[in-house]
Amino acid sequence: MGITERYFQLGTEHNVIHLPYRPNGFGIFILGDRTHFVGNNSSFWLQHYGRNQLLNMLRNEGYTLFNSNLFGRHWGAEKAVTYAKQLIHSVLKQEILNPKIHILAEGMGALVADELLRFSPDHIRSAAMLNPCLDLQAHYESEKENKFFYKQFLKEVSESYGISEKEAEVLRYKTIESYPSGVPVHIWQRMTGAPYPYSVHAEVFKGKQQKQGSPVDMTFHLFEHPSRIYASICKFFHSHEKAL
């Protein structure tokens, strides 16, 4: 059936393009959460049963999906945002795609998605978010309550931001600040067991953006029927493809 994955390295990071059998001309940029990775011949979204289901559903709909290791647990660092912009530019040069892409961000990936929505809206058609982390300061405060997680968080942030762990302890992290945006955003939020509580992430983001007149919707679910959620994400993307 031909090649379905194309792996390549851009700078230090491994990336993958998931190619559809019948392209519809639209691209989706996947921004993953903490367990996310892309290697030289595999990725989290290929290995994880549920994410692989979603990946294949979107590919069967004709989408070209691309995905980057993006410095691992980057926590929204500037280098990850800059790299994401470079990757979008590179993929649009390589592939025959509409210049406006969709974004599919999970957890920590929403920190980068939010920066792209804020500063590169001309390149984005729509953004779907799954259980997003959008207030890093709030997440930092919650991690402080558990010594093990707090130490791990400081280690990851210091590596990603290029600072010492002592500096990471006193750094003021990104919080949710509203901005005008015409890019439609839809959040799928799991009601139970989500690592980033919706009351301080998704709900606050939605409220602040809607005050700016920005289109943000939210769907709550229990994750009992993931296929319904995946179909809903496909429908969301399709609904924002009428204007080329």
C-alpha atoms as a PDB file:
ATOM      1  CA  MET A   1       0.000   0.000   0.000  1.00  0.00           C
ATOM      2  CA  GLY A   2       3.055   2.245  -0.193  1.00  0.00           C
ATOM      3  CA  ILE A   3       4.810   4.386   2.362  1.00  0.00           C
ATOM      4  CA  THR A   4       2.540   5.738   5.093  1.00  0.00           C
ATOM      5  CA  GLU A   5       5.206   7.343   7.331  1.00  0.00           C
ATOM      6  CA  ARG A   6       8.098   9.556   6.316  1.00  0.00           C
ATOM      7  CA  TYR A   7      10.662  10.181   9.065  1.00  0.00           C
ATOM      8  CA  PHE A   8      13.121  13.049   8.886  1.00  0.00           C
ATOM      9  CA  GLN A   9      15.349  15.115  11.115  1.00  0.00           C
ATOM     10  CA  LEU A  10      15.266  18.906  11.166  1.00  0.00           C
ATOM     11  CA  GLY A  11      18.081  20.247  13.313  1.00  0.00           C
ATOM     12  CA  THR A  12      18.296  18.144  16.475  1.00  0.00           C
ATOM     13  CA  GLU A  13      14.728  16.814  16.474  1.00  0.00           C
ATOM     14  CA  HIS A  14      13.114  13.762  14.885  1.00  0.00           C
ATOM     15  CA  ASN A  15       9.871  14.319  12.998  1.00  0.00           C
ATOM     16  CA  VAL A  16       7.361  12.214  11.106  1.00  0.00           C
ATOM     17  CA  ILE A  17       4.792  12.893   8.403  1.00  0.00           C
ATOM     18  CA  HIS A  18       1.841  10.469   8.308  1.00  0.00           C
ATOM     19  CA  LEU A  19       0.700  10.243   4.707  1.00  0.00           C
ATOM     20  CA  PRO A  20      -2.912   9.474   3.714  1.00  0.00           C
ATOM     21  CA  TYR A  21      -3.837   7.132   0.860  1.00  0.00           C
ATOM     22  CA  ARG A  22      -6.212   9.697  -0.645  1.00  0.00           C
ATOM     23  CA  PRO A  23      -5.059  13.200   0.376  1.00  0.00           C
ATOM     24  CA  ASN A  24      -7.708  15.838   0.958  1.00  0.00           C
ATOM     25  CA  GLY A  25      -5.142  18.650   0.805  1.00  0.00           C
ATOM     26  CA  PHE A  26      -5.303  19.613   4.492  1.00  0.00           C
ATOM     27  CA  GLY A  27      -2.612  19.162   7.134  1.00  0.00           C
ATOM     28  CA  ILE A  28      -2.821  18.559  10.888  1.00  0.00           C
ATOM     29  CA  PHE A  29       0.045  19.371  13.267  1.00  0.00           C
ATOM     30  CA  ILE A  30       0.028  17.076  16.330  1.00  0.00           C
ATOM     31  CA  LEU A  31       1.394  18.584  19.560  1.00  0.00           C
ATOM     32  CA  GLY A  32       1.630  15.891  22.217  1.00  0.00           C
ATOM     33  CA  ASP A  33       1.646  15.705  26.002  1.00  0.00           C
ATOM     34  CA  ARG A  34       4.382  14.604  28.447  1.00  0.00           C
ATOM     35  CA  THR A  35       4.626  10.989  27.254  1.00  0.00           C
ATOM     36  CA  HIS A  36       4.810  12.068  23.639  1.00  0.00           C
ATOM     37  CA  PHE A  37       7.876  11.277  21.517  1.00  0.00           C
ATOM     38  CA  VAL A  38       9.018  10.845  17.926  1.00  0.00           C
ATOM     39  CA  GLY A  39      12.058   8.674  17.195  1.00  0.00           C
ATOM     40  CA  ASN A  40      13.770   7.775  13.944  1.00  0.00           C
ATOM     41  CA  ASN A  41      11.279   4.997  13.126  1.00  0.00           C
ATOM     42  CA  SER A  42       8.366   5.204  15.580  1.00  0.00           C
ATOM     43  CA  SER A  43       6.298   7.585  17.711  1.00  0.00           C
ATOM     44  CA  PHE A  44       3.968   7.668  20.704  1.00  0.00           C
ATOM     45  CA  TRP A  45       0.953   8.164  18.442  1.00  0.00           C
ATOM     46  CA  LEU A  46       1.828   5.000  16.510  1.00  0.00           C
ATOM     47  CA  GLN A  47       2.453   2.914  19.647  1.00  0.00           C
ATOM     48  CA  HIS A  48      -0.489   4.068  21.799  1.00  0.00           C
ATOM     49  CA  TYR A  49      -3.660   2.144  20.943  1.00  0.00           C
ATOM     50  CA  GLY A  50      -6.112   5.030  21.358  1.00  0.00           C
ATOM     51  CA  ARG A  51      -3.951   7.677  19.690  1.00  0.00           C
ATOM     52  CA  ASN A  52      -3.224   5.292  16.831  1.00  0.00           C
ATOM     53  CA  GLN A  53      -6.985   4.879  16.338  1.00  0.00           C
ATOM     54  CA  LEU A  54      -7.413   8.642  16.078  1.00  0.00           C
ATOM     55  CA  LEU A  55      -4.388   8.942  13.798  1.00  0.00           C
ATOM     56  CA  ASN A  56      -5.744   6.331  11.411  1.00  0.00           C
ATOM     57  CA  MET A  57      -9.247   7.788  11.450  1.00  0.00           C
ATOM     58  CA  LEU A  58      -7.863  11.190  10.445  1.00  0.00           C
ATOM     59  CA  ARG A  59      -5.568   9.651   7.845  1.00  0.00           C
ATOM     60  CA  ASN A  60      -8.501   7.702   6.380  1.00  0.00           C
ATOM     61  CA  GLU A  61     -10.298  11.048   6.065  1.00  0.00           C
ATOM     62  CA  GLY A  62      -7.432  12.191   3.846  1.00  0.00           C
ATOM     63  CA  TYR A  63      -5.453  14.318   6.287  1.00  0.00           C
ATOM     64  CA  THR A  64      -1.676  14.618   6.134  1.00  0.00           C
ATOM     65  CA  LEU A  65      -0.527  14.626   9.767  1.00  0.00           C
ATOM     66  CA  PHE A  66       2.862  15.721  11.036  1.00  0.00           C
ATOM     67  CA  ASN A  67       4.429  15.316  14.394  1.00  0.00           C
ATOM     68  CA  SER A  68       7.708  16.262  16.112  1.00  0.00           C
ATOM     69  CA  ASN A  69       9.671  15.095  19.127  1.00  0.00           C
ATOM     70  CA  LEU A  70       9.856  18.840  19.905  1.00  0.00           C
ATOM     71  CA  PHE A  71      12.492  18.577  22.646  1.00  0.00           C
ATOM     72  CA  GLY A  72      10.465  16.077  24.673  1.00  0.00           C
ATOM     73  CA  ARG A  73       8.948  17.603  27.806  1.00  0.00           C
ATOM     74  CA  HIS A  74       9.371  21.184  26.624  1.00  0.00           C
ATOM     75  CA  TRP A  75       6.683  22.810  28.841  1.00  0.00           C
ATOM     76  CA  GLY A  76       6.032  25.490  26.256  1.00  0.00           C
ATOM     77  CA  ALA A  77       9.629  26.761  26.126  1.00  0.00           C
ATOM     78  CA  GLU A  78      10.417  29.397  23.514  1.00  0.00           C
ATOM     79  CA  LYS A  79      12.696  27.004  21.627  1.00  0.00           C
ATOM     80  CA  ALA A  80       9.769  24.593  21.165  1.00  0.00           C
ATOM     81  CA  VAL A  81       7.506  27.361  19.840  1.00  0.00           C
ATOM     82  CA  THR A  82      10.210  28.589  17.443  1.00  0.00           C
ATOM     83  CA  TYR A  83      10.859  25.040  16.255  1.00  0.00           C
ATOM     84  CA  ALA A  84       7.140  24.427  15.714  1.00  0.00           C
ATOM     85  CA  LYS A  85       6.962  27.472  13.443  1.00  0.00           C
ATOM     86  CA  GLN A  86      10.002  26.253  11.487  1.00  0.00           C
ATOM     87  CA  LEU A  87       8.492  22.789  11.121  1.00  0.00           C
ATOM     88  CA  ILE A  88       5.203  24.165   9.783  1.00  0.00           C
ATOM     89  CA  HIS A  89       7.160  26.155   7.183  1.00  0.00           C
ATOM     90  CA  SER A  90       9.254  23.097   6.262  1.00  0.00           C
ATOM     91  CA  VAL A  91       6.260  20.749   5.892  1.00  0.00           C
ATOM     92  CA  LEU A  92       4.329  23.248   3.778  1.00  0.00           C
ATOM     93  CA  LYS A  93       7.347  23.422   1.449  1.00  0.00           C
ATOM     94  CA  GLN A  94       7.625  19.609   1.246  1.00  0.00           C
ATOM     95  CA  GLU A  95       3.958  18.661   0.889  1.00  0.00           C
ATOM     96  CA  ILE A  96       1.169  19.852  -1.383  1.00  0.00           C
ATOM     97  CA  LEU A  97      -1.111  21.230   1.325  1.00  0.00           C
ATOM     98  CA  ASN A  98      -3.424  24.128   1.958  1.00  0.00           C
ATOM     99  CA  PRO A  99      -1.303  26.859   3.635  1.00  0.00           C
ATOM    100  CA  LYS A 100      -3.640  26.968   6.637  1.00  0.00           C
ATOM    101  CA  ILE A 101      -3.223  23.920   8.878  1.00  0.00           C
ATOM    102  CA  HIS A 102      -5.246  22.407  11.694  1.00  0.00           C
ATOM    103  CA  ILE A 103      -3.685  21.876  15.122  1.00  0.00           C
ATOM    104  CA  LEU A 104      -4.372  18.877  17.363  1.00  0.00           C
ATOM    105  CA  ALA A 105      -2.868  19.525  20.804  1.00  0.00           C
ATOM    106  CA  GLU A 106      -2.925  17.285  23.840  1.00  0.00           C
ATOM    107  CA  GLY A 107      -2.021  18.264  27.417  1.00  0.00           C
ATOM    108  CA  MET A 108       1.281  20.136  27.496  1.00  0.00           C
ATOM    109  CA  GLY A 109       1.164  20.542  23.706  1.00  0.00           C
ATOM    110  CA  ALA A 110      -1.540  23.189  24.214  1.00  0.00           C
ATOM    111  CA  LEU A 111       1.129  25.559  25.617  1.00  0.00           C
ATOM    112  CA  VAL A 112       2.771  25.632  22.175  1.00  0.00           C
ATOM    113  CA  ALA A 113      -0.604  25.650  20.384  1.00  0.00           C
ATOM    114  CA  ASP A 114      -1.638  28.731  22.384  1.00  0.00           C
ATOM    115  CA  GLU A 115       1.511  30.587  21.306  1.00  0.00           C
ATOM    116  CA  LEU A 116       0.880  29.667  17.664  1.00  0.00           C
ATOM    117  CA  LEU A 117      -2.719  30.877  17.947  1.00  0.00           C
ATOM    118  CA  ARG A 118      -1.491  34.120  19.487  1.00  0.00           C
ATOM    119  CA  PHE A 119       1.388  34.911  17.140  1.00  0.00           C
ATOM    120  CA  SER A 120       0.863  32.869  13.933  1.00  0.00           C
ATOM    121  CA  PRO A 121      -2.921  32.838  13.374  1.00  0.00           C
ATOM    122  CA  ASP A 122      -2.555  33.328   9.605  1.00  0.00           C
ATOM    123  CA  HIS A 123      -1.143  29.790   9.333  1.00  0.00           C
ATOM    124  CA  ILE A 124      -3.845  28.097  11.440  1.00  0.00           C
ATOM    125  CA  ARG A 125      -7.285  26.991  10.268  1.00  0.00           C
ATOM    126  CA  SER A 126      -8.587  25.547  13.556  1.00  0.00           C
ATOM    127  CA  ALA A 127      -7.317  24.034  16.799  1.00  0.00           C
ATOM    128  CA  ALA A 128      -8.588  20.957  18.635  1.00  0.00           C
ATOM    129  CA  MET A 129      -7.333  20.482  22.200  1.00  0.00           C
ATOM    130  CA  LEU A 130      -7.517  17.344  24.342  1.00  0.00           C
ATOM    131  CA  ASN A 131      -7.352  17.902  28.146  1.00  0.00           C
ATOM    132  CA  PRO A 132      -5.104  20.937  27.657  1.00  0.00           C
ATOM    133  CA  CYS A 133      -2.502  22.400  29.982  1.00  0.00           C
ATOM    134  CA  LEU A 134      -2.833  26.155  29.432  1.00  0.00           C
ATOM    135  CA  ASP A 135      -1.796  27.691  32.760  1.00  0.00           C
ATOM    136  CA  LEU A 136       1.743  26.566  33.529  1.00  0.00           C
ATOM    137  CA  GLN A 137       1.917  28.637  36.705  1.00  0.00           C
ATOM    138  CA  ALA A 138      -1.145  26.826  38.057  1.00  0.00           C
ATOM    139  CA  HIS A 139       0.387  23.476  37.111  1.00  0.00           C
ATOM    140  CA  TYR A 140       3.638  24.452  38.854  1.00  0.00           C
ATOM    141  CA  GLU A 141       1.715  25.284  42.036  1.00  0.00           C
ATOM    142  CA  SER A 142      -0.091  21.927  41.962  1.00  0.00           C
ATOM    143  CA  GLU A 143       3.170  20.019  41.417  1.00  0.00           C
ATOM    144  CA  LYS A 144       4.671  21.654  44.516  1.00  0.00           C
ATOM    145  CA  GLU A 145       2.268  19.598  46.619  1.00  0.00           C
ATOM    146  CA  ASN A 146       4.083  16.365  45.742  1.00  0.00           C
ATOM    147  CA  LYS A 147       7.845  16.323  46.388  1.00  0.00           C
ATOM    148  CA  PHE A 148       8.653  13.711  43.715  1.00  0.00           C
ATOM    149  CA  PHE A 149       6.617  15.372  40.939  1.00  0.00           C
ATOM    150  CA  TYR A 150       7.906  18.799  41.930  1.00  0.00           C
ATOM    151  CA  LYS A 151      11.551  17.724  41.655  1.00  0.00           C
ATOM    152  CA  GLN A 152      10.858  16.082  38.308  1.00  0.00           C
ATOM    153  CA  PHE A 153       9.074  19.181  37.025  1.00  0.00           C
ATOM    154  CA  LEU A 154      11.953  21.473  38.060  1.00  0.00           C
ATOM    155  CA  LYS A 155      14.430  19.161  36.320  1.00  0.00           C
ATOM    156  CA  GLU A 156      12.404  19.132  33.091  1.00  0.00           C
ATOM    157  CA  VAL A 157      11.829  22.897  33.083  1.00  0.00           C
ATOM    158  CA  SER A 158      15.465  23.696  33.809  1.00  0.00           C
ATOM    159  CA  GLU A 159      16.575  21.515  30.901  1.00  0.00           C
ATOM    160  CA  SER A 160      13.973  22.875  28.510  1.00  0.00           C
ATOM    161  CA  TYR A 161      14.270  26.545  29.453  1.00  0.00           C
ATOM    162  CA  GLY A 162      18.069  26.457  29.784  1.00  0.00           C
ATOM    163  CA  ILE A 163      18.084  27.630  33.404  1.00  0.00           C
ATOM    164  CA  SER A 164      19.174  26.171  36.752  1.00  0.00           C
ATOM    165  CA  GLU A 165      16.745  24.302  38.999  1.00  0.00           C
ATOM    166  CA  LYS A 166      17.065  27.141  41.543  1.00  0.00           C
ATOM    167  CA  GLU A 167      15.975  29.604  38.872  1.00  0.00           C
ATOM    168  CA  ALA A 168      13.136  27.266  37.907  1.00  0.00           C
ATOM    169  CA  GLU A 169      11.864  27.399  41.519  1.00  0.00           C
ATOM    170  CA  VAL A 170      11.329  31.172  41.403  1.00  0.00           C
ATOM    171  CA  LEU A 171      10.411  31.618  37.732  1.00  0.00           C
ATOM    172  CA  ARG A 172       7.035  33.170  37.004  1.00  0.00           C
ATOM    173  CA  TYR A 173       5.456  30.785  34.508  1.00  0.00           C
ATOM    174  CA  LYS A 174       2.970  31.363  31.727  1.00  0.00           C
ATOM    175  CA  THR A 175      -0.605  31.993  32.817  1.00  0.00           C
ATOM    176  CA  ILE A 176      -3.753  32.396  30.726  1.00  0.00           C
ATOM    177  CA  GLU A 177      -3.947  35.827  29.136  1.00  0.00           C
ATOM    178  CA  SER A 178      -6.658  36.587  26.606  1.00  0.00           C
ATOM    179  CA  TYR A 179      -5.997  37.792  23.073  1.00  0.00           C
ATOM    180  CA  PRO A 180      -8.238  38.439  20.070  1.00  0.00           C
ATOM    181  CA  SER A 181      -8.337  35.499  17.662  1.00  0.00           C
ATOM    182  CA  GLY A 182     -10.608  34.459  14.835  1.00  0.00           C
ATOM    183  CA  VAL A 183      -9.287  30.885  14.812  1.00  0.00           C
ATOM    184  CA  PRO A 184     -11.947  28.424  16.049  1.00  0.00           C
ATOM    185  CA  VAL A 185     -10.871  26.328  19.038  1.00  0.00           C
ATOM    186  CA  HIS A 186     -12.682  23.280  20.410  1.00  0.00           C
ATOM    187  CA  ILE A 187     -11.623  21.596  23.657  1.00  0.00           C
ATOM    188  CA  TRP A 188     -12.452  17.969  24.485  1.00  0.00           C
ATOM    189  CA  GLN A 189     -12.138  17.660  28.247  1.00  0.00           C
ATOM    190  CA  ARG A 190     -12.200  14.417  30.205  1.00  0.00           C
ATOM    191  CA  MET A 191     -14.312  14.816  33.333  1.00  0.00           C
ATOM    192  CA  THR A 192     -12.320  12.462  35.572  1.00  0.00           C
ATOM    193  CA  GLY A 193      -8.640  11.621  35.885  1.00  0.00           C
ATOM    194  CA  ALA A 194      -7.361  14.439  33.664  1.00  0.00           C
ATOM    195  CA  PRO A 195      -3.853  15.600  34.727  1.00  0.00           C
ATOM    196  CA  TYR A 196      -4.727  19.269  34.162  1.00  0.00           C
ATOM    197  CA  PRO A 197      -7.986  20.233  35.963  1.00  0.00           C
ATOM    198  CA  TYR A 198     -10.388  21.923  33.553  1.00  0.00           C
ATOM    199  CA  SER A 199     -11.431  24.455  36.209  1.00  0.00           C
ATOM    200  CA  VAL A 200      -8.000  26.150  36.066  1.00  0.00           C
ATOM    201  CA  HIS A 201      -7.040  25.397  32.456  1.00  0.00           C
ATOM    202  CA  ALA A 202      -9.739  24.810  29.815  1.00  0.00           C
ATOM    203  CA  GLU A 203     -12.579  26.628  31.583  1.00  0.00           C
ATOM    204  CA  VAL A 204     -10.523  29.753  32.353  1.00  0.00           C
ATOM    205  CA  PHE A 205      -9.126  29.830  28.802  1.00  0.00           C
ATOM    206  CA  LYS A 206     -12.607  29.517  27.301  1.00  0.00           C
ATOM    207  CA  GLY A 207     -14.022  32.258  29.532  1.00  0.00           C
ATOM    208  CA  LYS A 208     -11.246  34.744  28.816  1.00  0.00           C
ATOM    209  CA  GLN A 209     -11.214  34.090  25.069  1.00  0.00           C
ATOM    210  CA  GLN A 210     -14.971  34.368  24.732  1.00  0.00           C
ATOM    211  CA  LYS A 211     -14.822  37.803  26.384  1.00  0.00           C
ATOM    212  CA  GLN A 212     -12.530  38.778  23.501  1.00  0.00           C
ATOM    213  CA  GLY A 213     -15.099  37.442  21.036  1.00  0.00           C
ATOM    214  CA  SER A 214     -12.855  34.507  20.116  1.00  0.00           C
ATOM    215  CA  PRO A 215     -14.623  31.266  19.107  1.00  0.00           C
ATOM    216  CA  VAL A 216     -13.967  28.607  21.773  1.00  0.00           C
ATOM    217  CA  ASP A 217     -16.231  25.613  22.461  1.00  0.00           C
ATOM    218  CA  MET A 218     -15.843  22.784  24.968  1.00  0.00           C
ATOM    219  CA  THR A 219     -17.112  19.210  25.113  1.00  0.00           C
ATOM    220  CA  PHE A 220     -16.998  17.258  28.385  1.00  0.00           C
ATOM    221  CA  HIS A 221     -16.783  13.471  28.287  1.00  0.00           C
ATOM    222  CA  LEU A 222     -16.038  10.414  30.431  1.00  0.00           C
ATOM    223  CA  PHE A 223     -13.919   8.708  27.744  1.00  0.00           C
ATOM    224  CA  GLU A 224     -16.247   5.722  27.672  1.00  0.00           C
ATOM    225  CA  HIS A 225     -16.642   5.912  23.891  1.00  0.00           C
ATOM    226  CA  PRO A 226     -13.400   7.321  22.446  1.00  0.00           C
ATOM    227  CA  SER A 227     -14.500   6.562  18.871  1.00  0.00           C
ATOM    228  CA  ARG A 228     -17.309   9.117  19.280  1.00  0.00           C
ATOM    229  CA  ILE A 229     -14.795  11.734  20.410  1.00  0.00           C
ATOM    230  CA  TYR A 230     -12.516  10.937  17.474  1.00  0.00           C
ATOM    231  CA  ALA A 231     -15.436  11.222  15.031  1.00  0.00           C
ATOM    232  CA  SER A 232     -16.362  14.542  16.649  1.00  0.00           C
ATOM    233  CA  ILE A 233     -12.803  15.840  16.142  1.00  0.00           C
ATOM    234  CA  CYS A 234     -12.942  14.844  12.449  1.00  0.00           C
ATOM    235  CA  LYS A 235     -16.270  16.637  12.084  1.00  0.00           C
ATOM    236  CA  PHE A 236     -14.822  19.761  13.749  1.00  0.00           C
ATOM    237  CA  PHE A 237     -11.897  19.873  11.328  1.00  0.00           C
ATOM    238  CA  HIS A 238     -14.138  19.302   8.302  1.00  0.00           C
ATOM    239  CA  SER A 239     -16.481  22.093   9.383  1.00  0.00           C
ATOM    240  CA  HIS A 240     -13.669  24.642   9.067  1.00  0.00           C
ATOM    241  CA  GLU A 241     -12.555  23.771   5.555  1.00  0.00           C
ATOM    242  CA  LYS A 242     -15.217  25.578   3.542  1.00  0.00           C
ATOM    243  CA  ALA A 243     -13.151  28.748   3.173  1.00  0.00           C
ATOM    244  CA  LEU A 244      -9.861  27.837   1.506  1.00  0.00           C
END
